[in-house]
Amino acid sequence: MLTLDFAFFLLAGPAVVFAGVSKGGFGSGAAFAAASVLALAIEPSLALGMMLPLLMLIDATTLRPYWRKWGTREAALLVAGAIPGVIAGVALYRVASADLLRLLIGGVSVAFVFWQLSLARGWIRLAGRHIPDWAGPIAGAVAGFTSFVSHAGGPPAAVFLLSRGLTKTQYQATTVLVFWVVNIFKFIPYAILGMFTMETFLANLVLAPFAIFGAWIGVKMHYIVPERVFFGLTYVLLMVTGIKLIWDGLT
C-alpha cells in the first residue's frame, strides 16, 4: 500500500531529482538508486512502477538537448539486445532471483572500474582495440533485463559504451536514446503486471516537476563539467552503483 504523506514525498522528492540529474547529465546507471531508495518506504514493485513514468518523463525532457548527438551504431547494437532482454525480464520477473542479479551486475560494474584503472596505470596493455560489435547486443540484453526488473540497466550499457571511445556527449546521448526506447517497451508489461496503481499515478503527478528539474540540472552540469572529470565521476558512480547492488544482493 502506498501512503502519499509528507514523509513519503520528503524521501521521494530528492530521490527523483537525483534520478533526473543522473539521467540528464551523467549516464552512469546511478539513476536506478532512486527506485532503491523508494523501496525502503514502499513495496518494491510499486517503487518500480512509480519510477517508470518519471524515468520516461526524464527521457522525453533530455532527448531534445542530445538529439542526433548519439553514437548510432552503439545505440543500435544495444537496442538490438535490449528488446529481447526486456522480453526475458517479463518472462522471468516472477521467478528470477533479484539478489543474484544484483550480485552479478554489481560485480561487473566494480570489475569494470578496476579494469579501466588497470589500463590507465599500464598494468594491462591492449592493442588499442575497442570492445567488438558483438558485445553490444550482449550488454544490451543484460541491460534490458536488469532495467525491467530493477531499472538498473545503466551499468551493463556503460561497460560497453565507455570502451567504445565516444565523447562524453555521444556517450550521454546514446544512453538517453537507448533507455528512451527500453522504457517505452517496458510500459505495457508493467501495466499488465499490475505495477501501476491510482496511488502511483497521483504520486507521479506530484513528482513530475522534481523529475523535470533534476533533468534540467543534469543537462546543464553535463556541458559545464569537463570531459575528463565527467568520466572520472562516471567511474566513481559506477563503483558506488556496483557496491550498492552487491550489498543489496547480499542483504
Protein backbone atom coordinates (compact mmCIF):
# COMPACT_ATOMS: atom_id res chain seq x y z
CA MET A 1 0.00 0.00 0.00
CA LEU A 2 1.33 3.42 -0.98
CA THR A 3 0.63 6.20 1.50
CA LEU A 4 1.09 9.63 -0.05
CA ASP A 5 2.01 11.57 3.07
CA PHE A 6 4.59 14.27 3.77
CA ALA A 7 7.20 11.72 4.91
CA PHE A 8 6.92 9.85 1.61
CA PHE A 9 7.41 12.95 -0.53
CA LEU A 10 10.26 14.11 1.71
CA LEU A 11 12.01 10.90 0.68
CA ALA A 12 10.74 10.68 -2.90
CA GLY A 13 11.37 14.29 -3.96
CA PRO A 14 15.18 14.29 -3.61
CA ALA A 15 15.36 10.72 -4.99
CA VAL A 16 13.54 11.74 -8.17
CA VAL A 17 15.68 14.88 -8.55
CA PHE A 18 18.76 12.68 -8.28
CA ALA A 19 17.39 10.36 -10.96
CA GLY A 20 16.84 13.37 -13.23
CA VAL A 21 20.35 14.69 -12.68
CA SER A 22 21.90 11.27 -13.30
CA LYS A 23 19.92 10.51 -16.46
CA GLY A 24 20.09 14.08 -17.73
CA GLY A 25 23.82 14.61 -17.49
CA PHE A 26 25.64 11.54 -16.27
CA GLY A 27 24.55 8.31 -17.95
CA SER A 28 26.33 6.14 -15.42
CA GLY A 29 23.40 4.00 -14.35
CA ALA A 30 23.11 5.65 -10.94
CA ALA A 31 19.52 6.78 -11.59
CA PHE A 32 18.24 3.36 -10.58
CA ALA A 33 19.20 4.21 -6.99
CA ALA A 34 16.05 6.32 -6.79
CA ALA A 35 13.91 3.19 -7.04
CA SER A 36 16.07 1.53 -4.38
CA VAL A 37 15.55 4.49 -2.05
CA LEU A 38 11.81 4.42 -2.63
CA ALA A 39 11.75 0.68 -1.99
CA LEU A 40 12.81 1.48 1.57
CA ALA A 41 9.42 3.12 2.10
CA ILE A 42 7.05 1.23 -0.19
CA GLU A 43 6.67 -2.23 -1.71
CA PRO A 44 9.42 -2.73 -4.33
CA SER A 45 7.08 -3.45 -7.26
CA LEU A 46 5.23 -0.21 -6.54
CA ALA A 47 8.55 1.64 -6.35
CA LEU A 48 9.45 0.31 -9.79
CA GLY A 49 6.01 1.09 -11.19
CA MET A 50 6.04 4.60 -9.78
CA MET A 51 9.51 5.37 -11.14
CA LEU A 52 8.92 4.19 -14.73
CA PRO A 53 6.66 7.08 -15.86
CA LEU A 54 9.03 9.53 -14.15
CA LEU A 55 12.02 8.00 -15.94
CA MET A 56 10.09 8.23 -19.22
CA LEU A 57 9.40 11.91 -18.49
CA ILE A 58 13.11 12.47 -17.85
CA ASP A 59 13.89 10.67 -21.12
CA ALA A 60 11.49 12.92 -23.02
CA THR A 61 12.94 16.03 -21.35
CA THR A 62 16.55 15.16 -22.15
CA LEU A 63 16.06 13.70 -25.62
CA ARG A 64 15.88 17.06 -27.38
CA PRO A 65 19.15 18.54 -25.99
CA TYR A 66 21.00 15.40 -27.13
CA TRP A 67 19.12 14.85 -30.39
CA ARG A 68 21.26 13.12 -33.06
CA LYS A 69 24.40 13.50 -30.94
CA TRP A 70 24.46 9.80 -30.09
CA GLY A 71 26.62 7.01 -31.43
CA THR A 72 24.16 5.49 -33.90
CA ARG A 73 25.96 2.15 -34.23
CA GLU A 74 26.39 1.74 -30.49
CA ALA A 75 22.74 2.63 -29.84
CA ALA A 76 21.51 0.16 -32.47
CA LEU A 77 23.65 -2.64 -31.05
CA LEU A 78 22.41 -2.05 -27.50
CA VAL A 79 18.74 -1.75 -28.51
CA ALA A 80 19.02 -4.93 -30.60
CA GLY A 81 19.89 -6.81 -27.43
CA ALA A 82 17.77 -4.79 -25.03
CA ILE A 83 14.42 -5.71 -26.59
CA PRO A 84 14.95 -9.47 -26.12
CA GLY A 85 16.32 -8.66 -22.68
CA VAL A 86 13.09 -6.92 -21.70
CA ILE A 87 11.08 -9.87 -23.02
CA ALA A 88 13.21 -12.17 -20.86
CA GLY A 89 12.54 -9.89 -17.92
CA VAL A 90 8.80 -10.20 -18.48
CA ALA A 91 9.04 -14.00 -18.58
CA LEU A 92 11.30 -14.32 -15.55
CA TYR A 93 10.08 -11.42 -13.39
CA ARG A 94 8.06 -13.59 -11.00
CA VAL A 95 10.66 -16.31 -10.55
CA ALA A 96 14.11 -14.80 -11.14
CA SER A 97 16.36 -14.13 -8.15
CA ALA A 98 16.75 -10.37 -7.98
CA ASP A 99 19.52 -10.76 -5.40
CA LEU A 100 21.62 -12.95 -7.69
CA LEU A 101 21.10 -10.44 -10.49
CA ARG A 102 22.23 -7.58 -8.26
CA LEU A 103 25.36 -9.51 -7.34
CA LEU A 104 26.20 -10.22 -10.97
CA ILE A 105 25.67 -6.70 -12.25
CA GLY A 106 27.32 -5.15 -9.21
CA GLY A 107 30.31 -7.40 -9.73
CA VAL A 108 30.55 -6.43 -13.41
CA SER A 109 30.37 -2.73 -12.52
CA VAL A 110 33.09 -2.91 -9.89
CA ALA A 111 35.26 -5.15 -12.07
CA PHE A 112 34.95 -2.70 -14.95
CA VAL A 113 36.22 0.19 -12.82
CA PHE A 114 39.24 -1.86 -11.79
CA TRP A 115 39.75 -2.82 -15.45
CA GLN A 116 39.79 0.83 -16.52
CA LEU A 117 42.14 1.70 -13.65
CA SER A 118 44.47 -1.12 -14.70
CA LEU A 119 44.52 0.20 -18.26
CA ALA A 120 45.17 3.77 -17.12
CA ARG A 121 48.03 2.67 -14.83
CA GLY A 122 49.57 0.47 -17.52
CA TRP A 123 49.05 -2.73 -15.53
CA ILE A 124 47.24 -4.14 -18.55
CA ARG A 125 48.21 -3.26 -22.12
CA LEU A 126 45.93 -3.71 -25.10
CA ALA A 127 46.43 -3.08 -28.81
CA GLY A 128 44.13 -0.08 -28.67
CA ARG A 129 41.08 -2.06 -29.78
CA HIS A 130 37.55 -1.26 -28.62
CA ILE A 131 35.09 -3.83 -27.35
CA PRO A 132 33.84 -5.52 -30.56
CA ASP A 133 30.36 -5.04 -32.02
CA TRP A 134 29.16 -8.48 -30.96
CA ALA A 135 29.46 -7.44 -27.31
CA GLY A 136 26.85 -4.69 -27.84
CA PRO A 137 23.76 -6.95 -28.08
CA ILE A 138 25.02 -8.98 -25.12
CA ALA A 139 25.39 -5.85 -23.00
CA GLY A 140 22.04 -4.66 -24.32
CA ALA A 141 20.33 -7.92 -23.36
CA VAL A 142 21.66 -7.68 -19.81
CA ALA A 143 20.70 -4.00 -19.69
CA GLY A 144 17.18 -4.70 -20.94
CA PHE A 145 16.65 -7.49 -18.43
CA THR A 146 18.05 -5.63 -15.43
CA SER A 147 16.25 -2.46 -16.47
CA PHE A 148 12.97 -4.34 -16.43
CA VAL A 149 13.44 -5.95 -13.02
CA SER A 150 15.15 -3.07 -11.18
CA HIS A 151 15.67 -0.04 -13.51
CA ALA A 152 19.37 -0.90 -13.22
CA GLY A 153 20.21 -1.16 -16.91
CA GLY A 154 22.86 1.56 -16.84
CA PRO A 155 25.96 -0.37 -15.67
CA PRO A 156 25.98 -3.08 -18.39
CA ALA A 157 25.33 -0.43 -21.05
CA ALA A 158 28.11 1.71 -19.60
CA VAL A 159 30.56 -1.20 -19.70
CA PHE A 160 30.05 -1.35 -23.48
CA LEU A 161 29.81 2.39 -24.21
CA LEU A 162 32.74 3.55 -22.10
CA SER A 163 35.07 1.24 -24.05
CA ARG A 164 33.99 2.49 -27.49
CA GLY A 165 35.88 5.78 -27.49
CA LEU A 166 32.81 8.02 -27.52
CA THR A 167 32.95 11.64 -26.40
CA LYS A 168 31.06 12.44 -23.22
CA THR A 169 28.19 13.97 -25.22
CA GLN A 170 27.97 10.99 -27.58
CA TYR A 171 28.04 8.69 -24.57
CA GLN A 172 25.30 10.58 -22.75
CA ALA A 173 23.13 10.97 -25.86
CA THR A 174 23.42 7.25 -26.58
CA THR A 175 22.26 6.29 -23.09
CA VAL A 176 19.34 8.72 -23.36
CA LEU A 177 18.25 7.25 -26.70
CA VAL A 178 18.69 3.61 -25.68
CA PHE A 179 16.76 3.86 -22.43
CA TRP A 180 14.08 6.03 -24.00
CA VAL A 181 13.35 3.06 -26.29
CA VAL A 182 13.73 0.50 -23.49
CA ASN A 183 11.42 2.35 -21.10
CA ILE A 184 8.71 2.70 -23.75
CA PHE A 185 8.96 -1.02 -24.40
CA LYS A 186 8.67 -1.76 -20.66
CA PHE A 187 5.49 0.25 -20.11
CA ILE A 188 2.87 -2.25 -21.34
CA PRO A 189 4.30 -5.25 -19.43
CA TYR A 190 4.45 -3.12 -16.27
CA ALA A 191 0.77 -2.28 -16.72
CA ILE A 192 -0.18 -5.91 -17.33
CA LEU A 193 1.73 -7.00 -14.22
CA GLY A 194 -0.24 -4.51 -12.09
CA MET A 195 2.73 -2.33 -11.18
CA PHE A 196 0.76 0.87 -11.78
CA THR A 197 -1.95 1.96 -9.35
CA MET A 198 -4.01 5.07 -8.78
CA GLU A 199 -1.66 5.96 -5.92
CA THR A 200 1.43 5.71 -8.14
CA PHE A 201 -0.36 7.85 -10.74
CA LEU A 202 -1.10 10.57 -8.16
CA ALA A 203 2.48 10.37 -6.90
CA ASN A 204 3.71 10.79 -10.50
CA LEU A 205 1.67 13.99 -10.86
CA VAL A 206 3.23 15.48 -7.73
CA LEU A 207 6.78 14.32 -8.51
CA ALA A 208 6.81 15.23 -12.22
CA PRO A 209 8.24 18.75 -11.56
CA PHE A 210 11.04 17.17 -9.49
CA ALA A 211 11.93 14.89 -12.41
CA ILE A 212 11.99 17.76 -14.92
CA PHE A 213 14.02 19.96 -12.56
CA GLY A 214 16.57 17.20 -11.99
CA ALA A 215 16.87 16.56 -15.74
CA TRP A 216 17.44 20.28 -16.38
CA ILE A 217 20.20 20.39 -13.76
CA GLY A 218 21.78 17.27 -15.26
CA VAL A 219 21.88 18.71 -18.80
CA LYS A 220 23.43 21.96 -17.52
CA MET A 221 26.03 20.07 -15.48
CA HIS A 222 26.87 17.88 -18.48
CA TYR A 223 28.04 20.86 -20.54
CA ILE A 224 29.84 22.53 -17.64
CA VAL A 225 31.78 19.59 -16.24
CA PRO A 226 34.97 18.82 -18.29
CA GLU A 227 35.15 15.50 -20.17
CA ARG A 228 37.92 14.04 -18.01
CA VAL A 229 36.05 14.94 -14.84
CA PHE A 230 32.86 13.54 -16.34
CA PHE A 231 34.31 10.09 -16.99
CA GLY A 232 36.11 10.12 -13.65
CA LEU A 233 32.82 10.88 -11.92
CA THR A 234 31.16 8.18 -14.02
CA TYR A 235 33.66 5.60 -12.78
CA VAL A 236 33.07 6.70 -9.19
CA LEU A 237 29.31 6.42 -9.65
CA LEU A 238 29.72 3.03 -11.31
CA MET A 239 31.73 1.87 -8.30
CA VAL A 240 29.10 3.19 -5.89
CA THR A 241 26.33 1.64 -8.01
CA GLY A 242 28.12 -1.70 -8.14
CA ILE A 243 28.80 -1.79 -4.40
CA LYS A 244 25.17 -0.86 -3.70
CA LEU A 245 23.95 -3.70 -5.93
CA ILE A 246 26.29 -6.18 -4.25
CA TRP A 247 25.20 -5.02 -0.81
CA ASP A 248 21.53 -5.33 -1.75
CA GLY A 249 22.13 -8.79 -3.16
CA LEU A 250 23.87 -9.99 -0.01
CA THR A 251 21.44 -8.44 2.46
